[in-house]
Amino acid sequence: MIALEGVSKTYPKQSKPALAELNLQVPEGAIVTLIGPSVAARRAMAQAVSAET
């Protein structure tokens, strides 16, 4: 399982966070797709998950 709790990420020179207080639980074997308009948010989430594994 991948579990994230309260993850936030603000990139340099940005006033608005790409992620704010993200809570996520992904069961083992699950397939997850990241979609949305913000590339920064998808990248920040992928980096947070890869740091946990």
PDB file of N, CA and C in Angstrom:
ATOM      1  N   MET A   1       0.844  -1.181   0.000  1.00  0.00           N
ATOM      2  CA  MET A   1       0.000   0.000   0.000  1.00  0.00           C
ATOM      3  C   MET A   1       0.881   1.233   0.000  1.00  0.00           C
ATOM      4  N   ILE A   2       0.431   2.216  -0.717  1.00  0.00           N
ATOM      5  CA  ILE A   2       1.054   3.541  -0.678  1.00  0.00           C
ATOM      6  C   ILE A   2       0.114   4.444   0.101  1.00  0.00           C
ATOM      7  N   ALA A   3       0.649   5.135   1.088  1.00  0.00           N
ATOM      8  CA  ALA A   3      -0.174   6.035   1.895  1.00  0.00           C
ATOM      9  C   ALA A   3       0.551   7.365   2.068  1.00  0.00           C
ATOM     10  N   LEU A   4      -0.135   8.430   1.748  1.00  0.00           N
ATOM     11  CA  LEU A   4       0.373   9.781   1.944  1.00  0.00           C
ATOM     12  C   LEU A   4      -0.610  10.518   2.838  1.00  0.00           C
ATOM     13  N   GLU A   5      -0.079  11.316   3.743  1.00  0.00           N
ATOM     14  CA  GLU A   5      -0.962  12.066   4.641  1.00  0.00           C
ATOM     15  C   GLU A   5      -0.447  13.481   4.816  1.00  0.00           C
ATOM     16  N   GLY A   6      -1.281  14.445   4.461  1.00  0.00           N
ATOM     17  CA  GLY A   6      -0.954  15.852   4.657  1.00  0.00           C
ATOM     18  C   GLY A   6       0.195  16.363   3.805  1.00  0.00           C
ATOM     19  N   VAL A   7       0.380  15.810   2.606  1.00  0.00           N
ATOM     20  CA  VAL A   7       1.496  16.212   1.744  1.00  0.00           C
ATOM     21  C   VAL A   7       1.161  17.529   1.039  1.00  0.00           C
ATOM     22  N   SER A   8       2.085  18.469   1.125  1.00  0.00           N
ATOM     23  CA  SER A   8       1.951  19.756   0.446  1.00  0.00           C
ATOM     24  C   SER A   8       3.233  20.039  -0.316  1.00  0.00           C
ATOM     25  N   LYS A   9       3.114  20.742  -1.439  1.00  0.00           N
ATOM     26  CA  LYS A   9       4.287  21.101  -2.241  1.00  0.00           C
ATOM     27  C   LYS A   9       4.031  22.441  -2.912  1.00  0.00           C
ATOM     28  N   THR A  10       4.917  23.386  -2.675  1.00  0.00           N
ATOM     29  CA  THR A  10       4.885  24.673  -3.359  1.00  0.00           C
ATOM     30  C   THR A  10       6.223  24.834  -4.069  1.00  0.00           C
ATOM     31  N   TYR A  11       6.189  25.084  -5.359  1.00  0.00           N
ATOM     32  CA  TYR A  11       7.404  25.254  -6.125  1.00  0.00           C
ATOM     33  C   TYR A  11       7.963  26.658  -5.918  1.00  0.00           C
ATOM     34  N   PRO A  12       9.292  26.817  -6.067  1.00  0.00           N
ATOM     35  CA  PRO A  12       9.907  28.137  -5.915  1.00  0.00           C
ATOM     36  C   PRO A  12       9.253  29.165  -6.840  1.00  0.00           C
ATOM     37  N   LYS A  13       9.138  30.359  -6.356  1.00  0.00           N
ATOM     38  CA  LYS A  13       8.564  31.499  -7.091  1.00  0.00           C
ATOM     39  C   LYS A  13       7.075  31.341  -7.389  1.00  0.00           C
ATOM     40  N   GLN A  14       6.410  30.427  -6.700  1.00  0.00           N
ATOM     41  CA  GLN A  14       4.969  30.238  -6.862  1.00  0.00           C
ATOM     42  C   GLN A  14       4.284  30.562  -5.536  1.00  0.00           C
ATOM     43  N   SER A  15       3.194  31.272  -5.589  1.00  0.00           N
ATOM     44  CA  SER A  15       2.482  31.620  -4.357  1.00  0.00           C
ATOM     45  C   SER A  15       1.431  30.566  -4.008  1.00  0.00           C
ATOM     46  N   LYS A  16       0.984  29.833  -4.982  1.00  0.00           N
ATOM     47  CA  LYS A  16      -0.061  28.833  -4.778  1.00  0.00           C
ATOM     48  C   LYS A  16       0.566  27.433  -4.803  1.00  0.00           C
ATOM     49  N   PRO A  17       0.233  26.595  -3.818  1.00  0.00           N
ATOM     50  CA  PRO A  17       0.825  25.254  -3.810  1.00  0.00           C
ATOM     51  C   PRO A  17       0.306  24.375  -4.950  1.00  0.00           C
ATOM     52  N   ALA A  18       1.183  23.528  -5.473  1.00  0.00           N
ATOM     53  CA  ALA A  18       0.769  22.537  -6.464  1.00  0.00           C
ATOM     54  C   ALA A  18      -0.053  21.447  -5.778  1.00  0.00           C
ATOM     55  N   LEU A  19       0.318  21.126  -4.532  1.00  0.00           N
ATOM     56  CA  LEU A  19      -0.442  20.186  -3.696  1.00  0.00           C
ATOM     57  C   LEU A  19      -0.659  20.829  -2.339  1.00  0.00           C
ATOM     58  N   ALA A  20      -1.826  20.640  -1.783  1.00  0.00           N
ATOM     59  CA  ALA A  20      -2.116  21.191  -0.459  1.00  0.00           C
ATOM     60  C   ALA A  20      -2.842  20.136   0.376  1.00  0.00           C
ATOM     61  N   GLU A  21      -2.162  19.666   1.420  1.00  0.00           N
ATOM     62  CA  GLU A  21      -2.747  18.713   2.368  1.00  0.00           C
ATOM     63  C   GLU A  21      -3.324  17.473   1.680  1.00  0.00           C
ATOM     64  N   LEU A  22      -2.546  16.883   0.763  1.00  0.00           N
ATOM     65  CA  LEU A  22      -2.971  15.684   0.040  1.00  0.00           C
ATOM     66  C   LEU A  22      -2.984  14.476   0.961  1.00  0.00           C
ATOM     67  N   ASN A  23      -4.089  13.770   0.980  1.00  0.00           N
ATOM     68  CA  ASN A  23      -4.209  12.486   1.668  1.00  0.00           C
ATOM     69  C   ASN A  23      -4.572  11.450   0.612  1.00  0.00           C
ATOM     70  N   LEU A  24      -3.825  10.348   0.593  1.00  0.00           N
ATOM     71  CA  LEU A  24      -4.020   9.343  -0.446  1.00  0.00           C
ATOM     72  C   LEU A  24      -3.677   7.969   0.088  1.00  0.00           C
ATOM     73  N   GLN A  25      -4.508   6.996  -0.215  1.00  0.00           N
ATOM     74  CA  GLN A  25      -4.218   5.596   0.078  1.00  0.00           C
ATOM     75  C   GLN A  25      -4.480   4.792  -1.185  1.00  0.00           C
ATOM     76  N   VAL A  26      -3.467   4.053  -1.622  1.00  0.00           N
ATOM     77  CA  VAL A  26      -3.586   3.216  -2.810  1.00  0.00           C
ATOM     78  C   VAL A  26      -3.278   1.790  -2.394  1.00  0.00           C
ATOM     79  N   PRO A  27      -4.254   0.887  -2.495  1.00  0.00           N
ATOM     80  CA  PRO A  27      -4.017  -0.498  -2.115  1.00  0.00           C
ATOM     81  C   PRO A  27      -2.998  -1.174  -3.040  1.00  0.00           C
ATOM     82  N   GLU A  28      -2.300  -2.149  -2.518  1.00  0.00           N
ATOM     83  CA  GLU A  28      -1.336  -2.904  -3.313  1.00  0.00           C
ATOM     84  C   GLU A  28      -2.023  -3.510  -4.534  1.00  0.00           C
ATOM     85  N   GLY A  29      -1.386  -3.387  -5.681  1.00  0.00           N
ATOM     86  CA  GLY A  29      -1.925  -3.941  -6.911  1.00  0.00           C
ATOM     87  C   GLY A  29      -2.869  -3.022  -7.663  1.00  0.00           C
ATOM     88  N   ALA A  30      -3.222  -1.891  -7.064  1.00  0.00           N
ATOM     89  CA  ALA A  30      -4.146  -0.956  -7.716  1.00  0.00           C
ATOM     90  C   ALA A  30      -3.440  -0.207  -8.835  1.00  0.00           C
ATOM     91  N   ILE A  31      -4.196   0.172  -9.837  1.00  0.00           N
ATOM     92  CA  ILE A  31      -3.692   0.989 -10.939  1.00  0.00           C
ATOM     93  C   ILE A  31      -4.264   2.389 -10.765  1.00  0.00           C
ATOM     94  N   VAL A  32      -3.394   3.386 -10.827  1.00  0.00           N
ATOM     95  CA  VAL A  32      -3.794   4.773 -10.604  1.00  0.00           C
ATOM     96  C   VAL A  32      -3.402   5.609 -11.815  1.00  0.00           C
ATOM     97  N   THR A  33      -4.296   6.468 -12.252  1.00  0.00           N
ATOM     98  CA  THR A  33      -4.018   7.406 -13.331  1.00  0.00           C
ATOM     99  C   THR A  33      -4.155   8.819 -12.798  1.00  0.00           C
ATOM    100  N   LEU A  34      -3.155   9.642 -13.056  1.00  0.00           N
ATOM    101  CA  LEU A  34      -3.204  11.038 -12.637  1.00  0.00           C
ATOM    102  C   LEU A  34      -3.665  11.875 -13.823  1.00  0.00           C
ATOM    103  N   ILE A  35      -4.776  12.566 -13.655  1.00  0.00           N
ATOM    104  CA  ILE A  35      -5.295  13.433 -14.708  1.00  0.00           C
ATOM    105  C   ILE A  35      -5.619  14.794 -14.123  1.00  0.00           C
ATOM    106  N   GLY A  36      -5.645  15.782 -14.945  1.00  0.00           N
ATOM    107  CA  GLY A  36      -6.001  17.123 -14.491  1.00  0.00           C
ATOM    108  C   GLY A  36      -5.268  18.171 -15.279  1.00  0.00           C
ATOM    109  N   PRO A  37      -5.674  19.429 -15.112  1.00  0.00           N
ATOM    110  CA  PRO A  37      -5.109  20.511 -15.918  1.00  0.00           C
ATOM    111  C   PRO A  37      -3.716  20.960 -15.479  1.00  0.00           C
ATOM    112  N   SER A  38      -3.303  20.632 -14.269  1.00  0.00           N
ATOM    113  CA  SER A  38      -2.047  21.151 -13.738  1.00  0.00           C
ATOM    114  C   SER A  38      -0.927  20.120 -13.828  1.00  0.00           C
ATOM    115  N   VAL A  39       0.019  20.369 -14.720  1.00  0.00           N
ATOM    116  CA  VAL A  39       1.179  19.483 -14.830  1.00  0.00           C
ATOM    117  C   VAL A  39       1.973  19.507 -13.530  1.00  0.00           C
ATOM    118  N   ALA A  40       2.087  20.667 -12.901  1.00  0.00           N
ATOM    119  CA  ALA A  40       2.846  20.792 -11.660  1.00  0.00           C
ATOM    120  C   ALA A  40       2.259  19.908 -10.568  1.00  0.00           C
ATOM    121  N   ALA A  41       0.952  19.860 -10.467  1.00  0.00           N
ATOM    122  CA  ALA A  41       0.316  19.032  -9.441  1.00  0.00           C
ATOM    123  C   ALA A  41       0.549  17.552  -9.712  1.00  0.00           C
ATOM    124  N   ARG A  42       0.434  17.146 -10.957  1.00  0.00           N
ATOM    125  CA  ARG A  42       0.672  15.733 -11.294  1.00  0.00           C
ATOM    126  C   ARG A  42       2.120  15.356 -11.010  1.00  0.00           C
ATOM    127  N   ARG A  43       3.043  16.231 -11.385  1.00  0.00           N
ATOM    128  CA  ARG A  43       4.465  15.957 -11.152  1.00  0.00           C
ATOM    129  C   ARG A  43       4.762  15.906  -9.650  1.00  0.00           C
ATOM    130  N   ALA A  44       4.221  16.848  -8.882  1.00  0.00           N
ATOM    131  CA  ALA A  44       4.450  16.868  -7.439  1.00  0.00           C
ATOM    132  C   ALA A  44       3.904  15.603  -6.775  1.00  0.00           C
ATOM    133  N   MET A  45       2.731  15.162  -7.224  1.00  0.00           N
ATOM    134  CA  MET A  45       2.154  13.951  -6.651  1.00  0.00           C
ATOM    135  C   MET A  45       3.001  12.731  -7.014  1.00  0.00           C
ATOM    136  N   ALA A  46       3.438  12.633  -8.248  1.00  0.00           N
ATOM    137  CA  ALA A  46       4.279  11.511  -8.660  1.00  0.00           C
ATOM    138  C   ALA A  46       5.586  11.499  -7.866  1.00  0.00           C
ATOM    139  N   GLN A  47       6.178  12.653  -7.633  1.00  0.00           N
ATOM    140  CA  GLN A  47       7.405  12.736  -6.840  1.00  0.00           C
ATOM    141  C   GLN A  47       7.159  12.330  -5.394  1.00  0.00           C
ATOM    142  N   ALA A  48       6.030  12.732  -4.837  1.00  0.00           N
ATOM    143  CA  ALA A  48       5.710  12.354  -3.456  1.00  0.00           C
ATOM    144  C   ALA A  48       5.531  10.847  -3.329  1.00  0.00           C
ATOM    145  N   VAL A  49       4.859  10.251  -4.294  1.00  0.00           N
ATOM    146  CA  VAL A  49       4.654   8.800  -4.263  1.00  0.00           C
ATOM    147  C   VAL A  49       5.969   8.065  -4.452  1.00  0.00           C
ATOM    148  N   SER A  50       6.797   8.512  -5.378  1.00  0.00           N
ATOM    149  CA  SER A  50       8.063   7.817  -5.612  1.00  0.00           C
ATOM    150  C   SER A  50       8.994   7.941  -4.412  1.00  0.00           C
ATOM    151  N   ALA A  51       8.885   9.016  -3.648  1.00  0.00           N
ATOM    152  CA  ALA A  51       9.677   9.177  -2.441  1.00  0.00           C
ATOM    153  C   ALA A  51       9.254   8.205  -1.352  1.00  0.00           C
ATOM    154  N   GLU A  52       7.994   7.776  -1.373  1.00  0.00           N
ATOM    155  CA  GLU A  52       7.447   6.861  -0.371  1.00  0.00           C
ATOM    156  C   GLU A  52       7.739   5.402  -0.689  1.00  0.00           C
ATOM    157  N   THR A  53       8.057   5.094  -1.940  1.00  0.00           N
ATOM    158  CA  THR A  53       8.264   3.695  -2.319  1.00  0.00           C
ATOM    159  C   THR A  53       9.710   3.314  -2.345  1.00  0.00           C
TER     160      THR A  53
END
